């Protein structure tokens, strides 16, 4: 049961990272910003949709 909870968390984190990197790249065309936004993941995704 514990392994299933961990897999859901890791899968969600990866999805947030991929979305953040894709949005960052489409907005900035900068690898450095894409990496930074990848670390911020869901925080950047929410920021992007609220303020862009």
Foldseek 3Di string as FASTA:
>chain_A
DVVVVVVVVVVVLVVQLVVQLVVQCVVPVDPVSSVVSSVVRPVSVVVVVVPD
